[in-house]
Amino acid sequence: MHDAAELLLSSTKKGTIMTLAERLLHRGKQEGRQEGRQEGRQEGRLLLLQRQLTKRFGQDVLDIRVQERLRTASPEQLDLWAERILDARAFEDVFCDFPEDPS
């Protein structure tokens, strides 16, 4: 009987450990999917803003400095710039908070 109890306890512990491992794996997958969706939305914002800028102001506006600023901007900043395109008379109006190149 003692051996049966140990076997039952052992399998219960393994089941608990597997359940915990499965939960952690599931949680990690959920977090990974959420992070992937957020990155996808950010990439979509970036691509849309780039298309809007080139459509409105021409291909030449997307120099390396502007592209880097777009890539490092927050989602909120990208949204603000995308809204400003609607009223902007010049490229600079979109990025009025964008620091000038000191060189």
N, C-alpha and C. Protein backbone atom coordinates (compact mmCIF):
# COMPACT_ATOMS: atom_id res chain seq x y z
N MET A 1 0.82 -1.18 0.00
CA MET A 1 0.00 0.00 0.00
C MET A 1 0.87 1.25 0.00
N HIS A 2 1.95 1.19 0.69
CA HIS A 2 2.86 2.32 0.78
C HIS A 2 3.39 2.67 -0.61
N ASP A 3 3.72 1.67 -1.41
CA ASP A 3 4.22 1.92 -2.76
C ASP A 3 3.14 2.55 -3.65
N ALA A 4 1.91 2.13 -3.51
CA ALA A 4 0.81 2.69 -4.30
C ALA A 4 0.60 4.16 -3.94
N ALA A 5 0.70 4.48 -2.65
CA ALA A 5 0.52 5.87 -2.20
C ALA A 5 1.65 6.74 -2.76
N GLU A 6 2.89 6.23 -2.75
CA GLU A 6 4.01 6.97 -3.30
C GLU A 6 3.83 7.18 -4.80
N LEU A 7 3.36 6.13 -5.50
CA LEU A 7 3.13 6.23 -6.94
C LEU A 7 2.05 7.27 -7.24
N LEU A 8 0.98 7.26 -6.46
CA LEU A 8 -0.11 8.21 -6.64
C LEU A 8 0.39 9.63 -6.36
N LEU A 9 1.13 9.81 -5.27
CA LEU A 9 1.68 11.11 -4.91
C LEU A 9 2.65 11.59 -5.98
N SER A 10 3.48 10.69 -6.46
CA SER A 10 4.45 11.04 -7.49
C SER A 10 3.75 11.50 -8.77
N SER A 11 2.73 10.78 -9.19
CA SER A 11 2.02 11.15 -10.42
C SER A 11 1.24 12.45 -10.21
N THR A 12 0.74 12.68 -8.99
CA THR A 12 0.04 13.93 -8.70
C THR A 12 1.00 15.10 -8.77
N LYS A 13 2.20 14.93 -8.21
CA LYS A 13 3.19 15.98 -8.27
C LYS A 13 3.59 16.27 -9.71
N LYS A 14 3.79 15.22 -10.49
CA LYS A 14 4.14 15.41 -11.89
C LYS A 14 3.02 16.14 -12.62
N GLY A 15 1.78 15.76 -12.33
CA GLY A 15 0.64 16.42 -12.96
C GLY A 15 0.58 17.89 -12.58
N THR A 16 0.85 18.21 -11.34
CA THR A 16 0.85 19.59 -10.89
C THR A 16 1.96 20.37 -11.57
N ILE A 17 3.13 19.77 -11.65
CA ILE A 17 4.26 20.42 -12.29
C ILE A 17 3.97 20.63 -13.77
N MET A 18 3.42 19.65 -14.43
CA MET A 18 3.10 19.79 -15.83
C MET A 18 2.02 20.87 -16.02
N THR A 19 1.05 20.90 -15.13
CA THR A 19 0.00 21.89 -15.24
C THR A 19 0.59 23.29 -15.07
N LEU A 20 1.47 23.46 -14.12
CA LEU A 20 2.12 24.74 -13.90
C LEU A 20 2.97 25.11 -15.13
N ALA A 21 3.71 24.16 -15.64
CA ALA A 21 4.54 24.41 -16.83
C ALA A 21 3.66 24.78 -18.02
N GLU A 22 2.55 24.07 -18.17
CA GLU A 22 1.63 24.37 -19.27
C GLU A 22 1.03 25.77 -19.12
N ARG A 23 0.71 26.13 -17.89
CA ARG A 23 0.15 27.47 -17.64
C ARG A 23 1.17 28.55 -17.99
N LEU A 24 2.41 28.35 -17.56
CA LEU A 24 3.45 29.32 -17.86
C LEU A 24 3.69 29.43 -19.37
N LEU A 25 3.69 28.29 -20.04
CA LEU A 25 3.87 28.29 -21.49
C LEU A 25 2.72 29.00 -22.17
N HIS A 26 1.50 28.72 -21.71
CA HIS A 26 0.31 29.35 -22.29
C HIS A 26 0.36 30.87 -22.07
N ARG A 27 0.72 31.28 -20.86
CA ARG A 27 0.82 32.70 -20.56
C ARG A 27 1.89 33.36 -21.43
N GLY A 28 3.02 32.68 -21.60
CA GLY A 28 4.08 33.21 -22.45
C GLY A 28 3.63 33.35 -23.90
N LYS A 29 2.87 32.37 -24.38
CA LYS A 29 2.35 32.45 -25.75
C LYS A 29 1.38 33.61 -25.90
N GLN A 30 0.51 33.80 -24.89
CA GLN A 30 -0.46 34.91 -24.95
C GLN A 30 0.27 36.25 -24.97
N GLU A 31 1.27 36.40 -24.11
CA GLU A 31 2.03 37.63 -24.06
C GLU A 31 2.78 37.86 -25.37
N GLY A 32 3.31 36.79 -25.94
CA GLY A 32 3.99 36.89 -27.22
C GLY A 32 3.06 37.32 -28.33
N ARG A 33 1.85 36.75 -28.35
CA ARG A 33 0.86 37.14 -29.36
C ARG A 33 0.46 38.61 -29.20
N GLN A 34 0.27 39.03 -27.95
CA GLN A 34 -0.12 40.42 -27.70
C GLN A 34 1.00 41.37 -28.13
N GLU A 35 2.23 41.02 -27.80
CA GLU A 35 3.37 41.84 -28.22
C GLU A 35 3.47 41.89 -29.74
N GLY A 36 3.24 40.77 -30.38
CA GLY A 36 3.28 40.72 -31.85
C GLY A 36 2.20 41.59 -32.47
N ARG A 37 1.01 41.59 -31.88
CA ARG A 37 -0.07 42.44 -32.39
C ARG A 37 0.28 43.91 -32.23
N GLN A 38 0.86 44.26 -31.08
CA GLN A 38 1.25 45.65 -30.85
C GLN A 38 2.31 46.09 -31.86
N GLU A 39 3.29 45.23 -32.09
CA GLU A 39 4.33 45.55 -33.07
C GLU A 39 3.74 45.68 -34.47
N GLY A 40 2.78 44.83 -34.78
CA GLY A 40 2.12 44.89 -36.09
C GLY A 40 1.35 46.19 -36.27
N ARG A 41 0.65 46.62 -35.22
CA ARG A 41 -0.07 47.89 -35.30
C ARG A 41 0.90 49.06 -35.45
N GLN A 42 2.01 49.01 -34.73
CA GLN A 42 3.02 50.06 -34.83
C GLN A 42 3.59 50.11 -36.25
N GLU A 43 3.89 48.96 -36.80
CA GLU A 43 4.42 48.89 -38.17
C GLU A 43 3.40 49.43 -39.17
N GLY A 44 2.12 49.11 -38.95
CA GLY A 44 1.06 49.62 -39.82
C GLY A 44 0.96 51.13 -39.76
N ARG A 45 1.04 51.69 -38.56
CA ARG A 45 1.02 53.15 -38.41
C ARG A 45 2.18 53.78 -39.18
N LEU A 46 3.36 53.19 -39.00
CA LEU A 46 4.56 53.71 -39.65
C LEU A 46 4.42 53.69 -41.16
N LEU A 47 3.99 52.57 -41.71
CA LEU A 47 3.86 52.45 -43.17
C LEU A 47 2.81 53.41 -43.72
N LEU A 48 1.69 53.56 -43.02
CA LEU A 48 0.66 54.47 -43.46
C LEU A 48 1.17 55.91 -43.45
N LEU A 49 1.85 56.30 -42.40
CA LEU A 49 2.38 57.66 -42.32
C LEU A 49 3.41 57.91 -43.42
N GLN A 50 4.27 56.93 -43.69
CA GLN A 50 5.24 57.09 -44.78
C GLN A 50 4.53 57.28 -46.12
N ARG A 51 3.49 56.49 -46.36
CA ARG A 51 2.74 56.62 -47.62
C ARG A 51 2.07 57.99 -47.71
N GLN A 52 1.50 58.45 -46.61
CA GLN A 52 0.84 59.76 -46.60
C GLN A 52 1.84 60.88 -46.88
N LEU A 53 3.00 60.79 -46.23
CA LEU A 53 4.03 61.83 -46.41
C LEU A 53 4.52 61.89 -47.84
N THR A 54 4.81 60.73 -48.43
CA THR A 54 5.32 60.74 -49.80
C THR A 54 4.23 61.14 -50.80
N LYS A 55 3.00 60.78 -50.54
CA LYS A 55 1.89 61.17 -51.42
C LYS A 55 1.69 62.68 -51.39
N ARG A 56 1.80 63.25 -50.20
CA ARG A 56 1.53 64.68 -50.05
C ARG A 56 2.73 65.56 -50.39
N PHE A 57 3.95 65.10 -50.02
CA PHE A 57 5.12 65.97 -50.14
C PHE A 57 6.22 65.43 -51.05
N GLY A 58 6.07 64.21 -51.57
CA GLY A 58 7.05 63.65 -52.48
C GLY A 58 8.04 62.71 -51.80
N GLN A 59 8.70 61.88 -52.61
CA GLN A 59 9.63 60.86 -52.11
C GLN A 59 10.82 61.45 -51.35
N ASP A 60 11.24 62.64 -51.73
CA ASP A 60 12.46 63.22 -51.16
C ASP A 60 12.35 63.56 -49.68
N VAL A 61 11.14 63.63 -49.14
CA VAL A 61 11.00 64.04 -47.74
C VAL A 61 11.44 62.96 -46.75
N LEU A 62 11.49 61.73 -47.20
CA LEU A 62 11.82 60.63 -46.29
C LEU A 62 13.32 60.34 -46.29
N ASP A 63 14.11 61.31 -45.85
CA ASP A 63 15.55 61.08 -45.75
C ASP A 63 15.83 60.17 -44.54
N ILE A 64 17.06 59.81 -44.36
CA ILE A 64 17.45 58.87 -43.30
C ILE A 64 17.05 59.38 -41.93
N ARG A 65 17.25 60.66 -41.69
CA ARG A 65 16.94 61.24 -40.39
C ARG A 65 15.44 61.14 -40.09
N VAL A 66 14.61 61.44 -41.06
CA VAL A 66 13.15 61.36 -40.87
C VAL A 66 12.72 59.90 -40.70
N GLN A 67 13.28 59.01 -41.50
CA GLN A 67 12.92 57.59 -41.37
C GLN A 67 13.27 57.06 -39.98
N GLU A 68 14.42 57.44 -39.46
CA GLU A 68 14.82 56.98 -38.12
C GLU A 68 13.88 57.54 -37.06
N ARG A 69 13.51 58.80 -37.20
CA ARG A 69 12.58 59.42 -36.24
C ARG A 69 11.23 58.72 -36.28
N LEU A 70 10.77 58.37 -37.47
CA LEU A 70 9.50 57.65 -37.59
C LEU A 70 9.59 56.28 -36.93
N ARG A 71 10.71 55.59 -37.15
CA ARG A 71 10.87 54.23 -36.57
C ARG A 71 10.92 54.26 -35.05
N THR A 72 11.41 55.34 -34.46
CA THR A 72 11.56 55.38 -33.00
C THR A 72 10.42 56.13 -32.31
N ALA A 73 9.46 56.62 -33.08
CA ALA A 73 8.34 57.37 -32.50
C ALA A 73 7.36 56.44 -31.80
N SER A 74 6.67 56.99 -30.83
CA SER A 74 5.62 56.25 -30.13
C SER A 74 4.38 56.16 -31.03
N PRO A 75 3.49 55.22 -30.75
CA PRO A 75 2.25 55.15 -31.52
C PRO A 75 1.46 56.46 -31.47
N GLU A 76 1.46 57.10 -30.31
CA GLU A 76 0.73 58.35 -30.17
C GLU A 76 1.34 59.45 -31.04
N GLN A 77 2.67 59.48 -31.12
CA GLN A 77 3.34 60.49 -31.95
C GLN A 77 3.06 60.25 -33.42
N LEU A 78 3.08 58.99 -33.84
CA LEU A 78 2.76 58.67 -35.24
C LEU A 78 1.33 59.10 -35.57
N ASP A 79 0.41 58.85 -34.66
CA ASP A 79 -0.99 59.24 -34.87
C ASP A 79 -1.12 60.76 -34.98
N LEU A 80 -0.42 61.49 -34.12
CA LEU A 80 -0.46 62.95 -34.16
C LEU A 80 0.06 63.47 -35.49
N TRP A 81 1.18 62.95 -35.95
CA TRP A 81 1.74 63.39 -37.23
C TRP A 81 0.81 63.05 -38.38
N ALA A 82 0.18 61.87 -38.32
CA ALA A 82 -0.76 61.48 -39.37
C ALA A 82 -1.95 62.44 -39.42
N GLU A 83 -2.42 62.90 -38.27
CA GLU A 83 -3.51 63.86 -38.23
C GLU A 83 -3.06 65.22 -38.77
N ARG A 84 -1.86 65.63 -38.45
CA ARG A 84 -1.36 66.93 -38.90
C ARG A 84 -1.24 67.01 -40.42
N ILE A 85 -1.04 65.89 -41.08
CA ILE A 85 -0.94 65.88 -42.54
C ILE A 85 -2.19 66.48 -43.17
N LEU A 86 -3.32 66.29 -42.52
CA LEU A 86 -4.59 66.77 -43.08
C LEU A 86 -4.62 68.29 -43.24
N ASP A 87 -3.97 69.01 -42.34
CA ASP A 87 -4.00 70.47 -42.37
C ASP A 87 -2.67 71.10 -42.78
N ALA A 88 -1.63 70.31 -42.90
CA ALA A 88 -0.30 70.86 -43.16
C ALA A 88 -0.20 71.49 -44.54
N ARG A 89 0.38 72.68 -44.57
CA ARG A 89 0.65 73.35 -45.84
C ARG A 89 2.04 72.97 -46.34
N ALA A 90 2.91 72.59 -45.41
CA ALA A 90 4.28 72.21 -45.75
C ALA A 90 4.69 71.03 -44.87
N PHE A 91 5.70 70.32 -45.32
CA PHE A 91 6.22 69.16 -44.59
C PHE A 91 6.56 69.53 -43.15
N GLU A 92 7.16 70.70 -42.95
CA GLU A 92 7.58 71.14 -41.63
C GLU A 92 6.40 71.31 -40.67
N ASP A 93 5.21 71.58 -41.21
CA ASP A 93 4.02 71.72 -40.37
C ASP A 93 3.65 70.40 -39.69
N VAL A 94 3.95 69.30 -40.34
CA VAL A 94 3.65 67.99 -39.77
C VAL A 94 4.55 67.73 -38.57
N PHE A 95 5.80 68.12 -38.71
CA PHE A 95 6.81 67.84 -37.69
C PHE A 95 7.24 69.10 -36.94
N CYS A 96 6.28 69.94 -36.58
CA CYS A 96 6.65 71.20 -35.92
C CYS A 96 7.35 70.96 -34.59
N ASP A 97 7.23 69.79 -34.00
CA ASP A 97 7.95 69.45 -32.76
C ASP A 97 9.21 68.64 -33.05
N PHE A 98 9.53 68.47 -34.34
CA PHE A 98 10.68 67.69 -34.77
C PHE A 98 11.91 68.58 -34.74
N PRO A 99 12.94 68.26 -33.93
CA PRO A 99 14.11 69.16 -33.83
C PRO A 99 14.84 69.30 -35.15
N GLU A 100 15.31 70.49 -35.40
CA GLU A 100 16.09 70.76 -36.61
C GLU A 100 17.44 70.05 -36.52
N ASP A 101 17.96 69.69 -37.65
CA ASP A 101 19.29 69.07 -37.72
C ASP A 101 20.34 70.14 -37.41
N PRO A 102 21.13 69.97 -36.33
CA PRO A 102 22.10 70.99 -35.94
C PRO A 102 23.28 71.14 -36.88
N SER A 103 23.50 70.18 -37.77
CA SER A 103 24.67 70.27 -38.65
C SER A 103 24.46 71.17 -39.83
